[in-house]
Amino acid sequence: MNTDITTLLQRAQAGDEGAVCRLTDAVYEQLRQIAGGQMRRERSGHTLQPTELVNEAYLRLFQNQQVGWQSRSHFYAIAASQMRRILIEHGRRNSAGKRQGIHLELREADAVQAPGGYDSGEVEALLRKLHESDAAAARVVELKVYAGFTDDEIVKLTGEKKAKIRADWNFARSWLASRIRVEGNFRKSDAS
């Protein structure tokens, strides 16, 4: 199925409407799981629903025909990133003037992202910097923290060896932690 999704992504990007429909069927349930995981990390009473989050992310994914999908893991990482951006935008619109925080857990156990803690815009900016420094490590962060995949699932998605995923994760954790401490550009939000 990995190759099928990659092929469907390429065909959909080339404008094949049939491929878009088949792709939607092939990835929708996984996108719903990613959205559900991200929504569980949001504050209670959030007005955005997982289905709305998936639909908005899916529209954004195919509005930008310049992406050049490399694989299904690339697609899911970008989808998780889009969902994260949508949630940030939604939070900003609904709390004008209030700081929305994010807690980015960088410990060895499963990574967790939750409301509170660090400013979400600063987390997003730091992840963009990490992507410039090491795209593979940034993708592991996106798949692990934002999409909620385990190491074994990331191995299946990317085709990389588990040792490579662990090395990328360890590098990303160190890189992010050093930037949080050294750059001092992360502020605790008022929500924490």
Protein backbone atom coordinates (compact mmCIF):
# COMPACT_ATOMS: atom_id res chain seq x y z
CA MET A 1 0.00 0.00 0.00
CA ASN A 2 2.98 2.37 0.56
CA THR A 3 3.72 2.54 -3.16
CA ASP A 4 0.04 2.81 -4.01
CA ILE A 5 -0.38 5.91 -1.83
CA THR A 6 2.81 7.45 -3.21
CA THR A 7 1.61 6.76 -6.75
CA LEU A 8 -1.83 8.17 -5.98
CA LEU A 9 -0.22 11.29 -4.49
CA GLN A 10 1.83 11.85 -7.63
CA ARG A 11 -1.16 11.24 -9.91
CA ALA A 12 -3.41 13.47 -7.80
CA GLN A 13 -0.85 16.25 -7.91
CA ALA A 14 -0.72 15.87 -11.70
CA GLY A 15 -4.45 16.61 -11.78
CA ASP A 16 -5.93 13.09 -12.01
CA GLU A 17 -9.35 13.53 -10.35
CA GLY A 18 -9.85 9.78 -10.04
CA ALA A 19 -6.58 9.50 -8.15
CA VAL A 20 -7.73 12.27 -5.79
CA CYS A 21 -10.87 10.27 -4.94
CA ARG A 22 -8.93 7.03 -4.44
CA LEU A 23 -6.33 8.85 -2.38
CA THR A 24 -9.01 10.35 -0.17
CA ASP A 25 -10.37 6.87 0.53
CA ALA A 26 -6.87 5.51 1.18
CA VAL A 27 -5.67 8.18 3.65
CA TYR A 28 -8.81 9.55 5.28
CA GLU A 29 -8.91 7.23 8.29
CA GLN A 30 -5.24 7.84 9.11
CA LEU A 31 -5.78 11.60 8.79
CA ARG A 32 -8.76 11.31 11.18
CA GLN A 33 -6.51 9.53 13.69
CA ILE A 34 -3.87 12.24 13.40
CA ALA A 35 -6.54 14.95 13.81
CA GLY A 36 -8.05 13.14 16.79
CA GLY A 37 -4.65 12.95 18.44
CA GLN A 38 -4.02 16.63 17.88
CA MET A 39 -7.49 17.57 19.10
CA ARG A 40 -6.99 15.56 22.32
CA ARG A 41 -4.04 17.83 23.05
CA GLU A 42 -6.16 20.96 22.69
CA ARG A 43 -8.07 22.64 25.48
CA SER A 44 -11.45 21.20 26.37
CA GLY A 45 -14.42 22.81 24.69
CA HIS A 46 -12.49 23.45 21.48
CA THR A 47 -14.91 24.59 18.77
CA LEU A 48 -13.08 22.89 15.91
CA GLN A 49 -13.98 19.22 15.32
CA PRO A 50 -11.57 16.54 14.03
CA THR A 51 -13.56 16.13 10.81
CA GLU A 52 -13.34 19.87 10.14
CA LEU A 53 -9.62 19.78 10.86
CA VAL A 54 -9.08 16.90 8.41
CA ASN A 55 -11.18 18.57 5.71
CA GLU A 56 -9.43 21.92 6.04
CA ALA A 57 -5.98 20.30 6.05
CA TYR A 58 -6.87 18.18 3.01
CA LEU A 59 -8.02 21.26 1.09
CA ARG A 60 -4.80 23.09 1.93
CA LEU A 61 -2.68 20.10 0.97
CA PHE A 62 -4.07 20.08 -2.55
CA GLN A 63 -4.31 23.85 -3.05
CA ASN A 64 -0.52 23.97 -3.12
CA GLN A 65 0.44 21.95 -6.17
CA GLN A 66 4.12 22.83 -5.65
CA VAL A 67 4.69 20.33 -2.82
CA GLY A 68 6.01 17.44 -4.90
CA TRP A 69 4.99 14.52 -2.70
CA GLN A 70 7.94 12.22 -2.12
CA SER A 71 6.17 9.43 -0.24
CA ARG A 72 3.28 8.69 2.04
CA SER A 73 5.41 9.58 5.10
CA HIS A 74 6.11 12.96 3.50
CA PHE A 75 2.37 13.40 2.94
CA TYR A 76 1.46 12.49 6.54
CA ALA A 77 4.18 14.73 7.97
CA ILE A 78 2.96 17.67 5.91
CA ALA A 79 -0.67 16.84 6.77
CA ALA A 80 0.18 16.85 10.49
CA SER A 81 2.02 20.14 10.02
CA GLN A 82 -0.98 21.65 8.22
CA MET A 83 -3.30 20.52 11.01
CA ARG A 84 -0.96 22.09 13.56
CA ARG A 85 -1.02 25.38 11.61
CA ILE A 86 -4.82 25.29 11.37
CA LEU A 87 -5.09 24.78 15.12
CA ILE A 88 -2.65 27.63 15.76
CA GLU A 89 -4.60 29.95 13.44
CA HIS A 90 -7.90 28.88 14.99
CA GLY A 91 -6.51 29.49 18.48
CA ARG A 92 -5.25 32.93 17.51
CA ARG A 93 -8.59 33.93 16.01
CA ASN A 94 -10.53 32.74 19.04
CA SER A 95 -8.27 34.24 21.66
CA ALA A 96 -7.25 37.57 20.23
CA GLY A 97 -4.88 39.12 22.71
CA LYS A 98 -4.40 35.95 24.76
CA ARG A 99 -1.24 33.89 24.41
CA GLN A 100 -1.83 30.26 23.46
CA GLY A 101 0.78 27.89 24.75
CA ILE A 102 2.07 24.53 23.72
CA HIS A 103 3.88 21.96 25.81
CA LEU A 104 6.50 20.14 23.76
CA GLU A 105 7.73 17.09 25.65
CA LEU A 106 11.21 16.01 24.56
CA ARG A 107 11.79 13.07 26.86
CA GLU A 108 12.71 9.57 25.74
CA ALA A 109 9.21 8.15 26.19
CA ASP A 110 6.54 8.93 23.61
CA ALA A 111 6.64 12.56 22.67
CA VAL A 112 3.69 14.65 23.71
CA GLN A 113 2.34 17.96 22.55
CA ALA A 114 -0.27 19.60 24.74
CA PRO A 115 -1.74 23.00 25.48
CA GLY A 116 0.22 25.23 27.81
CA GLY A 117 3.93 25.75 28.12
CA TYR A 118 5.72 27.37 25.19
CA ASP A 119 4.33 29.85 22.70
CA SER A 120 2.97 27.85 19.75
CA GLY A 121 4.26 30.31 17.14
CA GLU A 122 7.76 30.00 18.56
CA VAL A 123 7.55 26.19 18.51
CA GLU A 124 6.51 26.38 14.85
CA ALA A 125 9.40 28.74 13.99
CA LEU A 126 11.89 26.48 15.73
CA LEU A 127 10.60 23.43 13.84
CA ARG A 128 11.09 25.32 10.57
CA LYS A 129 14.71 26.01 11.58
CA LEU A 130 15.20 22.34 12.43
CA HIS A 131 13.85 21.41 9.01
CA GLU A 132 16.48 23.65 7.39
CA SER A 133 19.19 22.02 9.49
CA ASP A 134 18.04 18.40 9.19
CA ALA A 135 14.86 17.65 7.26
CA ALA A 136 14.83 13.96 8.28
CA ALA A 137 15.00 14.82 11.98
CA ALA A 138 12.26 17.44 11.57
CA ARG A 139 10.06 14.87 9.82
CA VAL A 140 10.55 12.43 12.72
CA VAL A 141 9.46 15.18 15.15
CA GLU A 142 6.38 15.90 13.04
CA LEU A 143 5.46 12.23 12.73
CA LYS A 144 6.14 11.43 16.39
CA VAL A 145 4.95 14.54 18.18
CA TYR A 146 2.23 15.93 15.93
CA ALA A 147 0.97 12.88 14.04
CA GLY A 148 1.34 10.61 17.08
CA PHE A 149 3.17 7.75 15.34
CA THR A 150 5.39 5.34 17.28
CA ASP A 151 8.92 4.50 16.15
CA ASP A 152 7.68 1.25 14.61
CA GLU A 153 4.97 3.08 12.69
CA ILE A 154 7.49 5.66 11.46
CA VAL A 155 9.72 2.80 10.27
CA LYS A 156 6.80 1.40 8.26
CA LEU A 157 5.89 4.82 6.87
CA THR A 158 9.37 5.91 5.88
CA GLY A 159 11.10 2.64 5.14
CA GLU A 160 14.02 3.80 7.28
CA LYS A 161 15.68 1.54 9.82
CA LYS A 162 14.63 1.94 13.42
CA ALA A 163 18.18 2.94 14.37
CA LYS A 164 18.00 5.85 11.89
CA ILE A 165 14.63 6.96 13.31
CA ARG A 166 16.05 6.82 16.84
CA ALA A 167 19.18 8.74 15.78
CA ASP A 168 17.05 11.41 14.06
CA TRP A 169 14.82 11.66 17.14
CA ASN A 170 17.80 11.95 19.49
CA PHE A 171 19.38 14.62 17.29
CA ALA A 172 16.09 16.54 17.09
CA ARG A 173 15.58 16.41 20.85
CA SER A 174 19.09 17.68 21.51
CA TRP A 175 18.82 20.33 18.81
CA LEU A 176 15.47 21.60 20.09
CA ALA A 177 16.51 21.50 23.74
CA SER A 178 19.69 23.46 23.03
CA ARG A 179 17.76 26.11 21.11
CA ILE A 180 15.22 26.45 23.89
CA ARG A 181 18.01 26.98 26.45
CA VAL A 182 20.59 28.86 24.38
CA GLU A 183 18.54 31.09 22.13
CA GLY A 184 16.15 32.00 24.91
CA ASN A 185 13.59 32.70 22.23
CA PHE A 186 11.04 30.43 23.85
CA ARG A 187 8.84 32.05 26.39
CA LYS A 188 6.57 30.29 28.76
CA SER A 189 3.08 31.30 27.78
CA ASP A 190 0.66 32.84 30.23
CA ALA A 191 -1.51 29.73 29.84
CA SER A 192 1.02 27.49 31.64
